[in-house]
């Protein structure tokens, strides 16, 4: 996949495109992109995804704080695995938002060589999103763009959307989120120094700092996870929350105990891949009670990941 940002580029070939923010690049997105690739192959054209580095609502509503399933870099990496030829990353600006659908389509035709546009079944674009599919078809006929209505994704009646996945993750339902995403939800970040309490009680942890504040963090609780450190993969149990037994105050932490691991990984990047939430965060009467529960957690999660 070739990535293009900002300005039009001459080396783009005539292509079949689709448009969207594609947060999470979930199964519904992939189903749409597969249709784009099939149409492009049938017409002897390249295939492209037109997307944006910043959530459009953040531009239109100052102060809006999106909870993203994927950062921009993560989204690009996932799109690269779909088989699409081009990813065109447009800056979503107020000027762009003011364009009518026809004006926007003219830019796609004249500057980005779009010959056919595959429209998601519920997708609208253009100023105030006031126009619909029949309007796009009419504009396409005038501009020389074939407009194609995509099939809706269906999997036994299950609704797949970025907002549904966000809700599932906010409830801690990472396994159902995985079904919608088509892959395990993950957090990338840097291992930072913590309070070193875990090591003292026999459960040393790596404290994760997620660099992008807009990346969604699942609900507080304990999770069975896999930890990726470079090319190495480890089983682990992860806790998200405020560590009430230790009076951690308002500092929400993400810390993972990696099974059978004792190396120093401070200032190293790791990826946490979520498998299952095993319980909510609890406050215990004593450190001894906490340690007893952690032993049970370790046994349960080791069985899950085995």
C-alpha atoms as a PDB file:
ATOM      1  CA  UNK A   1       0.000   0.000   0.000  1.00  0.00           C
ATOM      2  CA  UNK A   2       1.233   3.492  -0.857  1.00  0.00           C
ATOM      3  CA  UNK A   3       0.392   6.300   1.566  1.00  0.00           C
ATOM      4  CA  UNK A   4      -0.250   9.824   0.282  1.00  0.00           C
ATOM      5  CA  UNK A   5      -0.824  12.797   2.542  1.00  0.00           C
ATOM      6  CA  UNK A   6      -2.249  16.229   1.893  1.00  0.00           C
ATOM      7  CA  UNK A   7      -1.693  17.508  -1.611  1.00  0.00           C
ATOM      8  CA  UNK A   8      -2.679  15.679  -4.817  1.00  0.00           C
ATOM      9  CA  UNK A   9       0.057  13.567  -6.379  1.00  0.00           C
ATOM     10  CA  UNK A  10       0.687  12.921 -10.033  1.00  0.00           C
ATOM     11  CA  UNK A  11       1.815   9.322  -9.584  1.00  0.00           C
ATOM     12  CA  UNK A  12      -1.654   8.176  -8.494  1.00  0.00           C
ATOM     13  CA  UNK A  13      -3.220   5.908 -11.109  1.00  0.00           C
ATOM     14  CA  UNK A  14      -6.928   6.053 -11.988  1.00  0.00           C
ATOM     15  CA  UNK A  15      -8.644   4.308  -9.112  1.00  0.00           C
ATOM     16  CA  UNK A  16     -11.766   3.061  -7.398  1.00  0.00           C
ATOM     17  CA  UNK A  17     -12.139   4.730  -4.003  1.00  0.00           C
ATOM     18  CA  UNK A  18     -14.159   4.717  -0.824  1.00  0.00           C
ATOM     19  CA  UNK A  19     -14.278   7.402   1.872  1.00  0.00           C
ATOM     20  CA  UNK A  20     -14.443   7.247   5.646  1.00  0.00           C
ATOM     21  CA  UNK A  21     -12.629   7.734   8.932  1.00  0.00           C
ATOM     22  CA  UNK A  22     -12.189   3.952   9.351  1.00  0.00           C
ATOM     23  CA  UNK A  23     -11.497   4.022  13.082  1.00  0.00           C
ATOM     24  CA  UNK A  24     -10.501   0.507  14.080  1.00  0.00           C
ATOM     25  CA  UNK A  25     -10.506  -0.861  10.508  1.00  0.00           C
ATOM     26  CA  UNK A  26     -13.076  -3.385  11.758  1.00  0.00           C
ATOM     27  CA  UNK A  27     -14.868  -6.175   9.925  1.00  0.00           C
ATOM     28  CA  UNK A  28     -17.439  -3.827   8.427  1.00  0.00           C
ATOM     29  CA  UNK A  29     -14.672  -1.599   7.066  1.00  0.00           C
ATOM     30  CA  UNK A  30     -12.820  -4.596   5.668  1.00  0.00           C
ATOM     31  CA  UNK A  31     -15.964  -5.860   3.967  1.00  0.00           C
ATOM     32  CA  UNK A  32     -16.351  -2.463   2.280  1.00  0.00           C
ATOM     33  CA  UNK A  33     -12.685  -2.383   1.239  1.00  0.00           C
ATOM     34  CA  UNK A  34     -12.968  -5.903  -0.215  1.00  0.00           C
ATOM     35  CA  UNK A  35     -15.772  -4.599  -2.444  1.00  0.00           C
ATOM     36  CA  UNK A  36     -13.576  -1.700  -3.553  1.00  0.00           C
ATOM     37  CA  UNK A  37     -10.776  -4.107  -4.456  1.00  0.00           C
ATOM     38  CA  UNK A  38     -13.147  -6.361  -6.434  1.00  0.00           C
ATOM     39  CA  UNK A  39     -14.590  -3.442  -8.397  1.00  0.00           C
ATOM     40  CA  UNK A  40     -11.081  -2.101  -9.090  1.00  0.00           C
ATOM     41  CA  UNK A  41      -9.853  -5.494 -10.310  1.00  0.00           C
ATOM     42  CA  UNK A  42     -12.876  -5.907 -12.593  1.00  0.00           C
ATOM     43  CA  UNK A  43     -12.237  -2.510 -14.175  1.00  0.00           C
ATOM     44  CA  UNK A  44      -8.454  -2.727 -14.342  1.00  0.00           C
ATOM     45  CA  UNK A  45      -8.041   0.192 -11.935  1.00  0.00           C
ATOM     46  CA  UNK A  46      -6.138   0.754  -8.691  1.00  0.00           C
ATOM     47  CA  UNK A  47      -7.990   0.686  -5.364  1.00  0.00           C
ATOM     48  CA  UNK A  48      -7.874   3.428  -2.761  1.00  0.00           C
ATOM     49  CA  UNK A  49      -9.146   4.434   0.676  1.00  0.00           C
ATOM     50  CA  UNK A  50      -9.626   8.138   1.319  1.00  0.00           C
ATOM     51  CA  UNK A  51      -9.470   8.942   5.012  1.00  0.00           C
ATOM     52  CA  UNK A  52      -8.458  11.609   7.532  1.00  0.00           C
ATOM     53  CA  UNK A  53      -5.738  11.825  10.214  1.00  0.00           C
ATOM     54  CA  UNK A  54      -7.996  13.682  12.676  1.00  0.00           C
ATOM     55  CA  UNK A  55     -11.564  12.804  13.600  1.00  0.00           C
ATOM     56  CA  UNK A  56     -13.862  15.183  11.640  1.00  0.00           C
ATOM     57  CA  UNK A  57     -15.919  15.933  14.759  1.00  0.00           C
ATOM     58  CA  UNK A  58     -12.808  17.296  16.426  1.00  0.00           C
ATOM     59  CA  UNK A  59     -12.537  19.904  13.662  1.00  0.00           C
ATOM     60  CA  UNK A  60     -16.245  20.724  13.637  1.00  0.00           C
ATOM     61  CA  UNK A  61     -16.700  20.709  17.425  1.00  0.00           C
ATOM     62  CA  UNK A  62     -13.726  22.279  19.256  1.00  0.00           C
ATOM     63  CA  UNK A  63     -13.307  20.582  22.594  1.00  0.00           C
ATOM     64  CA  UNK A  64     -14.582  17.205  21.366  1.00  0.00           C
ATOM     65  CA  UNK A  65     -12.318  14.461  22.689  1.00  0.00           C
ATOM     66  CA  UNK A  66     -12.623  11.295  20.601  1.00  0.00           C
ATOM     67  CA  UNK A  67     -11.961   7.893  22.105  1.00  0.00           C
ATOM     68  CA  UNK A  68     -10.201   6.204  19.224  1.00  0.00           C
ATOM     69  CA  UNK A  69      -9.951   2.488  18.576  1.00  0.00           C
ATOM     70  CA  UNK A  70      -6.777   3.144  16.606  1.00  0.00           C
ATOM     71  CA  UNK A  71      -4.310   5.994  16.377  1.00  0.00           C
ATOM     72  CA  UNK A  72      -3.600   7.349  12.905  1.00  0.00           C
ATOM     73  CA  UNK A  73      -0.416   5.254  12.584  1.00  0.00           C
ATOM     74  CA  UNK A  74      -2.230   2.127  13.782  1.00  0.00           C
ATOM     75  CA  UNK A  75      -5.047   2.749  11.302  1.00  0.00           C
ATOM     76  CA  UNK A  76      -2.584   3.084   8.429  1.00  0.00           C
ATOM     77  CA  UNK A  77      -0.848  -0.156   9.446  1.00  0.00           C
ATOM     78  CA  UNK A  78      -4.178  -2.009   9.535  1.00  0.00           C
ATOM     79  CA  UNK A  79      -5.258  -0.558   6.189  1.00  0.00           C
ATOM     80  CA  UNK A  80      -1.971  -1.735   4.698  1.00  0.00           C
ATOM     81  CA  UNK A  81      -3.035  -5.299   5.501  1.00  0.00           C
ATOM     82  CA  UNK A  82      -6.309  -5.085   3.558  1.00  0.00           C
ATOM     83  CA  UNK A  83      -4.853  -5.332   0.064  1.00  0.00           C
ATOM     84  CA  UNK A  84      -5.740  -1.748  -0.883  1.00  0.00           C
ATOM     85  CA  UNK A  85      -3.327  -0.022  -3.286  1.00  0.00           C
ATOM     86  CA  UNK A  86      -3.492   3.559  -1.995  1.00  0.00           C
ATOM     87  CA  UNK A  87      -4.322   5.282   1.266  1.00  0.00           C
ATOM     88  CA  UNK A  88      -4.983   8.980   0.643  1.00  0.00           C
ATOM     89  CA  UNK A  89      -4.837  10.927   3.902  1.00  0.00           C
ATOM     90  CA  UNK A  90      -6.709  14.228   3.517  1.00  0.00           C
ATOM     91  CA  UNK A  91      -6.530  16.997   6.087  1.00  0.00           C
ATOM     92  CA  UNK A  92     -10.085  17.536   7.287  1.00  0.00           C
ATOM     93  CA  UNK A  93     -10.403  21.310   7.540  1.00  0.00           C
ATOM     94  CA  UNK A  94     -13.279  23.748   7.932  1.00  0.00           C
ATOM     95  CA  UNK A  95     -12.837  24.671   4.260  1.00  0.00           C
ATOM     96  CA  UNK A  96     -13.171  21.008   3.282  1.00  0.00           C
ATOM     97  CA  UNK A  97     -16.220  20.631   5.517  1.00  0.00           C
ATOM     98  CA  UNK A  98     -17.907  23.549   3.737  1.00  0.00           C
ATOM     99  CA  UNK A  99     -17.704  21.873   0.334  1.00  0.00           C
ATOM    100  CA  UNK A 100     -20.852  20.395  -1.118  1.00  0.00           C
ATOM    101  CA  UNK A 101     -20.822  16.714  -2.011  1.00  0.00           C
ATOM    102  CA  UNK A 102     -20.528  17.623  -5.698  1.00  0.00           C
ATOM    103  CA  UNK A 103     -17.589  19.962  -5.071  1.00  0.00           C
ATOM    104  CA  UNK A 104     -15.823  17.278  -3.046  1.00  0.00           C
ATOM    105  CA  UNK A 105     -16.451  14.657  -5.721  1.00  0.00           C
ATOM    106  CA  UNK A 106     -15.018  17.043  -8.351  1.00  0.00           C
ATOM    107  CA  UNK A 107     -11.793  17.245  -6.308  1.00  0.00           C
ATOM    108  CA  UNK A 108     -11.649  13.447  -6.098  1.00  0.00           C
ATOM    109  CA  UNK A 109     -12.114  13.199  -9.859  1.00  0.00           C
ATOM    110  CA  UNK A 110      -9.774  15.993 -10.963  1.00  0.00           C
ATOM    111  CA  UNK A 111      -7.015  15.819  -8.366  1.00  0.00           C
ATOM    112  CA  UNK A 112      -7.004  12.218  -7.119  1.00  0.00           C
ATOM    113  CA  UNK A 113      -7.990  10.360 -10.314  1.00  0.00           C
ATOM    114  CA  UNK A 114     -11.059   8.692  -8.794  1.00  0.00           C
ATOM    115  CA  UNK A 115     -13.019   6.944 -11.559  1.00  0.00           C
ATOM    116  CA  UNK A 116     -15.499   5.083  -9.347  1.00  0.00           C
ATOM    117  CA  UNK A 117     -16.698   5.715  -5.806  1.00  0.00           C
ATOM    118  CA  UNK A 118     -18.009   2.919  -3.597  1.00  0.00           C
ATOM    119  CA  UNK A 119     -20.316   4.415  -0.971  1.00  0.00           C
ATOM    120  CA  UNK A 120     -21.007   2.664   2.299  1.00  0.00           C
ATOM    121  CA  UNK A 121     -24.699   1.891   2.687  1.00  0.00           C
ATOM    122  CA  UNK A 122     -25.163   4.483   5.453  1.00  0.00           C
ATOM    123  CA  UNK A 123     -22.391   6.940   4.584  1.00  0.00           C
ATOM    124  CA  UNK A 124     -23.008  10.616   3.841  1.00  0.00           C
ATOM    125  CA  UNK A 125     -20.546  13.369   3.064  1.00  0.00           C
ATOM    126  CA  UNK A 126     -20.542  16.986   1.945  1.00  0.00           C
ATOM    127  CA  UNK A 127     -21.637  20.160   3.758  1.00  0.00           C
ATOM    128  CA  UNK A 128     -24.133  19.327   6.532  1.00  0.00           C
ATOM    129  CA  UNK A 129     -24.316  15.792   5.075  1.00  0.00           C
ATOM    130  CA  UNK A 130     -27.636  16.855   3.603  1.00  0.00           C
ATOM    131  CA  UNK A 131     -27.369  14.903   0.357  1.00  0.00           C
ATOM    132  CA  UNK A 132     -27.829  11.178  -0.150  1.00  0.00           C
ATOM    133  CA  UNK A 133     -26.926   8.339  -2.490  1.00  0.00           C
ATOM    134  CA  UNK A 134     -29.244   9.411  -5.346  1.00  0.00           C
ATOM    135  CA  UNK A 135     -27.604  12.837  -5.303  1.00  0.00           C
ATOM    136  CA  UNK A 136     -24.139  11.250  -5.444  1.00  0.00           C
ATOM    137  CA  UNK A 137     -25.185   9.176  -8.462  1.00  0.00           C
ATOM    138  CA  UNK A 138     -26.449  12.270 -10.261  1.00  0.00           C
ATOM    139  CA  UNK A 139     -23.302  14.248  -9.510  1.00  0.00           C
ATOM    140  CA  UNK A 140     -21.208  11.293 -10.591  1.00  0.00           C
ATOM    141  CA  UNK A 141     -22.947  11.174 -13.960  1.00  0.00           C
ATOM    142  CA  UNK A 142     -22.175  14.855 -14.445  1.00  0.00           C
ATOM    143  CA  UNK A 143     -18.549  14.526 -13.352  1.00  0.00           C
ATOM    144  CA  UNK A 144     -17.709  11.181 -14.901  1.00  0.00           C
ATOM    145  CA  UNK A 145     -17.508   9.169 -11.678  1.00  0.00           C
ATOM    146  CA  UNK A 146     -19.317   5.848 -11.383  1.00  0.00           C
ATOM    147  CA  UNK A 147     -21.057   5.734  -7.991  1.00  0.00           C
ATOM    148  CA  UNK A 148     -21.670   2.286  -6.521  1.00  0.00           C
ATOM    149  CA  UNK A 149     -23.697   1.431  -3.416  1.00  0.00           C
ATOM    150  CA  UNK A 150     -21.791  -1.000  -1.228  1.00  0.00           C
ATOM    151  CA  UNK A 151     -23.410  -4.034   0.311  1.00  0.00           C
ATOM    152  CA  UNK A 152     -23.985  -3.753   4.045  1.00  0.00           C
ATOM    153  CA  UNK A 153     -21.922  -6.042   6.252  1.00  0.00           C
ATOM    154  CA  UNK A 154     -23.970  -8.743   7.940  1.00  0.00           C
ATOM    155  CA  UNK A 155     -22.878 -11.421  10.382  1.00  0.00           C
ATOM    156  CA  UNK A 156     -25.857 -13.184  11.874  1.00  0.00           C
ATOM    157  CA  UNK A 157     -27.589  -9.940  12.718  1.00  0.00           C
ATOM    158  CA  UNK A 158     -24.618  -8.598  14.687  1.00  0.00           C
ATOM    159  CA  UNK A 159     -24.187  -4.850  14.289  1.00  0.00           C
ATOM    160  CA  UNK A 160     -20.592  -3.874  13.626  1.00  0.00           C
ATOM    161  CA  UNK A 161     -19.604  -0.233  13.931  1.00  0.00           C
ATOM    162  CA  UNK A 162     -16.872   1.777  15.602  1.00  0.00           C
ATOM    163  CA  UNK A 163     -19.372   3.181  18.120  1.00  0.00           C
ATOM    164  CA  UNK A 164     -20.607  -0.309  19.057  1.00  0.00           C
ATOM    165  CA  UNK A 165     -17.010  -1.461  19.572  1.00  0.00           C
ATOM    166  CA  UNK A 166     -16.267   1.571  21.751  1.00  0.00           C
ATOM    167  CA  UNK A 167     -19.269   0.719  23.911  1.00  0.00           C
ATOM    168  CA  UNK A 168     -18.147  -2.902  24.264  1.00  0.00           C
ATOM    169  CA  UNK A 169     -14.659  -1.841  25.310  1.00  0.00           C
ATOM    170  CA  UNK A 170     -16.017   0.722  27.769  1.00  0.00           C
ATOM    171  CA  UNK A 171     -17.901  -2.204  29.343  1.00  0.00           C
ATOM    172  CA  UNK A 172     -14.784  -4.370  29.400  1.00  0.00           C
ATOM    173  CA  UNK A 173     -16.221  -6.794  26.854  1.00  0.00           C
ATOM    174  CA  UNK A 174     -12.980  -7.222  24.923  1.00  0.00           C
ATOM    175  CA  UNK A 175     -13.884 -10.675  23.599  1.00  0.00           C
ATOM    176  CA  UNK A 176     -17.042  -9.405  21.861  1.00  0.00           C
ATOM    177  CA  UNK A 177     -15.081  -6.380  20.627  1.00  0.00           C
ATOM    178  CA  UNK A 178     -12.632  -8.833  19.086  1.00  0.00           C
ATOM    179  CA  UNK A 179     -15.503 -10.484  17.200  1.00  0.00           C
ATOM    180  CA  UNK A 180     -16.434  -7.104  15.725  1.00  0.00           C
ATOM    181  CA  UNK A 181     -12.898  -5.939  15.012  1.00  0.00           C
ATOM    182  CA  UNK A 182     -11.650  -9.181  13.498  1.00  0.00           C
ATOM    183  CA  UNK A 183      -8.547  -8.953  15.690  1.00  0.00           C
ATOM    184  CA  UNK A 184      -7.766  -8.457  19.368  1.00  0.00           C
ATOM    185  CA  UNK A 185      -7.960  -4.892  20.617  1.00  0.00           C
ATOM    186  CA  UNK A 186      -4.527  -3.614  21.600  1.00  0.00           C
ATOM    187  CA  UNK A 187      -2.722  -0.813  23.374  1.00  0.00           C
ATOM    188  CA  UNK A 188       0.769   0.294  22.405  1.00  0.00           C
ATOM    189  CA  UNK A 189       2.947   2.299  24.733  1.00  0.00           C
ATOM    190  CA  UNK A 190       6.107   2.804  26.710  1.00  0.00           C
ATOM    191  CA  UNK A 191       7.010   1.013  29.935  1.00  0.00           C
ATOM    192  CA  UNK A 192       7.487   3.647  32.634  1.00  0.00           C
ATOM    193  CA  UNK A 193       8.494   3.562  36.275  1.00  0.00           C
ATOM    194  CA  UNK A 194       5.694   2.909  38.761  1.00  0.00           C
ATOM    195  CA  UNK A 195       5.382   2.565  42.514  1.00  0.00           C
ATOM    196  CA  UNK A 196       7.310  -0.739  42.661  1.00  0.00           C
ATOM    197  CA  UNK A 197       4.688  -2.250  44.969  1.00  0.00           C
ATOM    198  CA  UNK A 198       4.075  -5.225  42.702  1.00  0.00           C
ATOM    199  CA  UNK A 199       7.650  -6.442  43.004  1.00  0.00           C
ATOM    200  CA  UNK A 200       7.476  -6.244  46.798  1.00  0.00           C
ATOM    201  CA  UNK A 201       4.385  -8.494  46.934  1.00  0.00           C
ATOM    202  CA  UNK A 202       5.630 -11.028  44.388  1.00  0.00           C
ATOM    203  CA  UNK A 203       3.854  -9.690  41.291  1.00  0.00           C
ATOM    204  CA  UNK A 204       6.210  -7.322  39.475  1.00  0.00           C
ATOM    205  CA  UNK A 205       4.423  -5.249  36.847  1.00  0.00           C
ATOM    206  CA  UNK A 206       5.309  -3.191  33.804  1.00  0.00           C
ATOM    207  CA  UNK A 207       3.464   0.116  33.881  1.00  0.00           C
ATOM    208  CA  UNK A 208       2.239   1.166  30.443  1.00  0.00           C
ATOM    209  CA  UNK A 209       2.058   4.774  29.301  1.00  0.00           C
ATOM    210  CA  UNK A 210      -0.134   5.129  26.208  1.00  0.00           C
ATOM    211  CA  UNK A 211       1.336   8.017  24.225  1.00  0.00           C
ATOM    212  CA  UNK A 212      -1.859   9.126  22.480  1.00  0.00           C
ATOM    213  CA  UNK A 213      -4.373  10.556  24.953  1.00  0.00           C
ATOM    214  CA  UNK A 214      -7.209   9.978  22.453  1.00  0.00           C
ATOM    215  CA  UNK A 215      -6.695   6.208  22.344  1.00  0.00           C
ATOM    216  CA  UNK A 216      -9.525   4.420  24.136  1.00  0.00           C
ATOM    217  CA  UNK A 217      -8.548   2.424  27.225  1.00  0.00           C
ATOM    218  CA  UNK A 218     -10.976  -0.397  28.152  1.00  0.00           C
ATOM    219  CA  UNK A 219     -12.980  -0.487  31.380  1.00  0.00           C
ATOM    220  CA  UNK A 220     -11.224  -0.849  34.713  1.00  0.00           C
ATOM    221  CA  UNK A 221     -10.612  -4.424  35.781  1.00  0.00           C
ATOM    222  CA  UNK A 222      -8.342  -7.431  35.351  1.00  0.00           C
ATOM    223  CA  UNK A 223      -7.681  -8.946  31.932  1.00  0.00           C
ATOM    224  CA  UNK A 224      -6.024 -11.942  30.359  1.00  0.00           C
ATOM    225  CA  UNK A 225      -3.612 -10.476  27.807  1.00  0.00           C
ATOM    226  CA  UNK A 226      -0.699 -11.211  25.558  1.00  0.00           C
ATOM    227  CA  UNK A 227       2.319  -8.918  25.719  1.00  0.00           C
ATOM    228  CA  UNK A 228       4.443  -8.294  22.644  1.00  0.00           C
ATOM    229  CA  UNK A 229       7.988  -7.074  23.187  1.00  0.00           C
ATOM    230  CA  UNK A 230       9.625  -6.805  19.784  1.00  0.00           C
ATOM    231  CA  UNK A 231       9.125 -10.181  18.141  1.00  0.00           C
ATOM    232  CA  UNK A 232       8.575 -11.973  21.464  1.00  0.00           C
ATOM    233  CA  UNK A 233       5.111 -12.861  22.787  1.00  0.00           C
ATOM    234  CA  UNK A 234       4.315 -13.484  26.464  1.00  0.00           C
ATOM    235  CA  UNK A 235       1.219 -14.325  28.487  1.00  0.00           C
ATOM    236  CA  UNK A 236       0.236 -11.940  31.223  1.00  0.00           C
ATOM    237  CA  UNK A 237      -2.451 -10.483  33.453  1.00  0.00           C
ATOM    238  CA  UNK A 238      -3.226  -6.806  33.257  1.00  0.00           C
ATOM    239  CA  UNK A 239      -4.935  -4.450  35.662  1.00  0.00           C
ATOM    240  CA  UNK A 240      -6.537  -1.159  34.681  1.00  0.00           C
ATOM    241  CA  UNK A 241      -7.774   1.165  37.378  1.00  0.00           C
ATOM    242  CA  UNK A 242      -7.032   3.266  40.424  1.00  0.00           C
ATOM    243  CA  UNK A 243      -5.544   0.594  42.730  1.00  0.00           C
ATOM    244  CA  UNK A 244      -7.981   1.348  45.578  1.00  0.00           C
ATOM    245  CA  UNK A 245      -6.313  -1.080  48.002  1.00  0.00           C
ATOM    246  CA  UNK A 246      -3.114   0.960  47.687  1.00  0.00           C
ATOM    247  CA  UNK A 247      -4.849   4.362  47.875  1.00  0.00           C
ATOM    248  CA  UNK A 248      -3.639   5.398  44.424  1.00  0.00           C
ATOM    249  CA  UNK A 249      -5.925   8.425  44.363  1.00  0.00           C
ATOM    250  CA  UNK A 250      -6.985   9.748  40.956  1.00  0.00           C
ATOM    251  CA  UNK A 251      -4.062   8.217  39.058  1.00  0.00           C
ATOM    252  CA  UNK A 252      -5.444   5.624  36.663  1.00  0.00           C
ATOM    253  CA  UNK A 253      -2.824   3.009  35.919  1.00  0.00           C
ATOM    254  CA  UNK A 254      -2.325   0.296  33.309  1.00  0.00           C
ATOM    255  CA  UNK A 255       0.029  -2.354  34.631  1.00  0.00           C
ATOM    256  CA  UNK A 256       0.783  -5.854  33.423  1.00  0.00           C
ATOM    257  CA  UNK A 257       2.343  -8.786  35.217  1.00  0.00           C
ATOM    258  CA  UNK A 258       4.152 -10.825  32.557  1.00  0.00           C
ATOM    259  CA  UNK A 259       4.291 -14.524  33.365  1.00  0.00           C
ATOM    260  CA  UNK A 260       7.734 -16.135  33.698  1.00  0.00           C
ATOM    261  CA  UNK A 261       9.522 -12.881  32.883  1.00  0.00           C
ATOM    262  CA  UNK A 262      12.098 -10.961  34.875  1.00  0.00           C
ATOM    263  CA  UNK A 263      13.965  -8.638  32.463  1.00  0.00           C
ATOM    264  CA  UNK A 264      14.314  -4.868  32.820  1.00  0.00           C
ATOM    265  CA  UNK A 265      12.123  -3.320  30.114  1.00  0.00           C
ATOM    266  CA  UNK A 266      11.862   0.270  31.333  1.00  0.00           C
ATOM    267  CA  UNK A 267      11.639   2.715  28.422  1.00  0.00           C
ATOM    268  CA  UNK A 268      10.849  -0.118  26.018  1.00  0.00           C
ATOM    269  CA  UNK A 269       7.771  -0.138  23.762  1.00  0.00           C
ATOM    270  CA  UNK A 270       5.318  -2.992  24.250  1.00  0.00           C
ATOM    271  CA  UNK A 271       1.943  -3.974  22.843  1.00  0.00           C
ATOM    272  CA  UNK A 272      -0.857  -5.316  25.034  1.00  0.00           C
ATOM    273  CA  UNK A 273      -3.343  -7.558  23.209  1.00  0.00           C
ATOM    274  CA  UNK A 274      -6.600  -8.112  25.130  1.00  0.00           C
ATOM    275  CA  UNK A 275      -8.089 -11.620  25.355  1.00  0.00           C
ATOM    276  CA  UNK A 276     -10.692 -11.578  28.135  1.00  0.00           C
ATOM    277  CA  UNK A 277     -11.769  -9.557  31.165  1.00  0.00           C
ATOM    278  CA  UNK A 278     -11.860 -11.778  34.220  1.00  0.00           C
ATOM    279  CA  UNK A 279     -13.149  -9.431  36.919  1.00  0.00           C
ATOM    280  CA  UNK A 280     -13.785  -5.845  37.885  1.00  0.00           C
ATOM    281  CA  UNK A 281     -11.446  -3.791  40.031  1.00  0.00           C
ATOM    282  CA  UNK A 282     -11.913  -4.501  43.743  1.00  0.00           C
ATOM    283  CA  UNK A 283     -10.805  -2.929  46.990  1.00  0.00           C
ATOM    284  CA  UNK A 284      -9.383  -5.424  49.503  1.00  0.00           C
ATOM    285  CA  UNK A 285      -9.167  -5.101  53.260  1.00  0.00           C
ATOM    286  CA  UNK A 286      -5.434  -5.794  53.308  1.00  0.00           C
ATOM    287  CA  UNK A 287      -2.376  -6.379  51.159  1.00  0.00           C
ATOM    288  CA  UNK A 288      -2.570 -10.067  52.139  1.00  0.00           C
ATOM    289  CA  UNK A 289      -6.101 -10.318  50.758  1.00  0.00           C
ATOM    290  CA  UNK A 290      -4.963  -8.603  47.552  1.00  0.00           C
ATOM    291  CA  UNK A 291      -2.070 -11.055  47.129  1.00  0.00           C
ATOM    292  CA  UNK A 292      -4.430 -13.997  47.688  1.00  0.00           C
ATOM    293  CA  UNK A 293      -6.711 -12.720  44.927  1.00  0.00           C
ATOM    294  CA  UNK A 294      -3.769 -12.078  42.591  1.00  0.00           C
ATOM    295  CA  UNK A 295      -2.730 -15.713  42.962  1.00  0.00           C
ATOM    296  CA  UNK A 296      -6.251 -16.782  41.973  1.00  0.00           C
ATOM    297  CA  UNK A 297      -6.170 -14.339  39.059  1.00  0.00           C
ATOM    298  CA  UNK A 298      -2.850 -15.737  37.884  1.00  0.00           C
ATOM    299  CA  UNK A 299      -4.128 -19.310  37.989  1.00  0.00           C
ATOM    300  CA  UNK A 300      -7.346 -18.448  36.156  1.00  0.00           C
ATOM    301  CA  UNK A 301      -5.644 -16.367  33.464  1.00  0.00           C
ATOM    302  CA  UNK A 302      -2.874 -18.892  32.906  1.00  0.00           C
ATOM    303  CA  UNK A 303      -5.597 -21.463  32.201  1.00  0.00           C
ATOM    304  CA  UNK A 304      -7.351 -19.099  29.784  1.00  0.00           C
ATOM    305  CA  UNK A 305      -4.161 -18.394  27.858  1.00  0.00           C
ATOM    306  CA  UNK A 306      -2.985 -21.999  27.822  1.00  0.00           C
END
